[in-house]
Amino acid sequence: MTDPSLPWKKVIVVGGSTGIGAAVTRRLAANGSRIAVVARRSDALHALAGELNAIVGEGTVLPYEHD
């Protein structure tokens, strides 16, 4: 079910691998957005992307490492 209060279809989340950023990423993915997630922690970043892509569809969450 999509949430009409979240109209964005393409989103960039900076610092999205853990904590509040991961929670925002999960909510956006559940509501049908395509998300570019930028984070420094490669392991957490790729784990989150893999988890969400398995649920909502491959290519929905795109991980980008940044330092």
Protein backbone atom coordinates (compact mmCIF):
# COMPACT_ATOMS: atom_id res chain seq x y z
CA MET A 1 0.00 0.00 0.00
CA THR A 2 1.38 3.41 -0.88
CA ASP A 3 1.16 6.43 1.37
CA PRO A 4 -0.19 9.50 -0.48
CA SER A 5 1.71 11.75 1.93
CA LEU A 6 4.95 10.46 0.33
CA PRO A 7 4.61 11.49 -3.34
CA TRP A 8 8.30 11.22 -4.28
CA LYS A 9 9.19 8.59 -6.84
CA LYS A 10 12.95 9.19 -7.07
CA VAL A 11 14.89 10.03 -3.92
CA ILE A 12 18.49 10.41 -2.72
CA VAL A 13 19.08 9.53 0.94
CA VAL A 14 22.45 10.60 2.35
CA GLY A 15 23.61 8.66 5.40
CA GLY A 16 21.02 6.01 4.74
CA SER A 17 22.68 2.77 5.81
CA THR A 18 21.76 2.84 9.52
CA GLY A 19 19.59 4.61 12.05
CA ILE A 20 17.13 7.26 10.92
CA GLY A 21 18.49 7.19 7.35
CA ALA A 22 17.80 3.44 7.08
CA ALA A 23 14.31 3.93 8.51
CA VAL A 24 13.59 6.66 5.95
CA THR A 25 14.95 4.42 3.17
CA ARG A 26 12.72 1.53 4.28
CA ARG A 27 9.63 3.75 4.39
CA LEU A 28 10.29 5.23 0.96
CA ALA A 29 10.96 1.78 -0.57
CA ALA A 30 7.73 0.44 0.91
CA ASN A 31 5.88 3.32 -0.72
CA GLY A 32 7.19 2.70 -4.21
CA SER A 33 10.06 5.18 -4.51
CA ARG A 34 13.34 4.41 -6.30
CA ILE A 35 16.13 5.33 -3.92
CA ALA A 36 19.81 6.14 -4.29
CA VAL A 37 21.30 5.52 -0.86
CA VAL A 38 24.64 7.17 -0.10
CA ALA A 39 26.68 6.07 2.92
CA ARG A 40 30.21 5.44 4.15
CA ARG A 41 29.67 2.04 5.77
CA SER A 42 29.85 -0.32 2.80
CA ASP A 43 28.75 -3.44 4.68
CA ALA A 44 25.62 -1.85 6.16
CA LEU A 45 24.84 -0.04 2.91
CA HIS A 46 24.92 -3.17 0.76
CA ALA A 47 23.08 -5.22 3.40
CA LEU A 48 20.23 -2.69 3.48
CA ALA A 49 20.05 -2.49 -0.33
CA GLY A 50 20.02 -6.28 -0.62
CA GLU A 51 17.34 -6.65 2.04
CA LEU A 52 15.02 -4.07 0.50
CA ASN A 53 15.59 -5.12 -3.12
CA ALA A 54 14.65 -8.69 -2.15
CA ILE A 55 11.36 -7.39 -0.76
CA VAL A 56 10.33 -4.64 -3.19
CA GLY A 57 12.17 -5.60 -6.36
CA GLU A 58 15.69 -5.57 -7.70
CA GLY A 59 16.98 -2.13 -8.64
CA THR A 60 14.66 -0.21 -6.33
CA VAL A 61 17.40 0.66 -3.86
CA LEU A 62 20.72 1.64 -5.43
CA PRO A 63 23.70 1.75 -3.02
CA TYR A 64 26.48 4.31 -3.47
CA GLU A 65 29.54 4.31 -1.23
CA HIS A 66 30.85 7.72 -0.32
CA ASP A 67 33.68 8.75 1.91
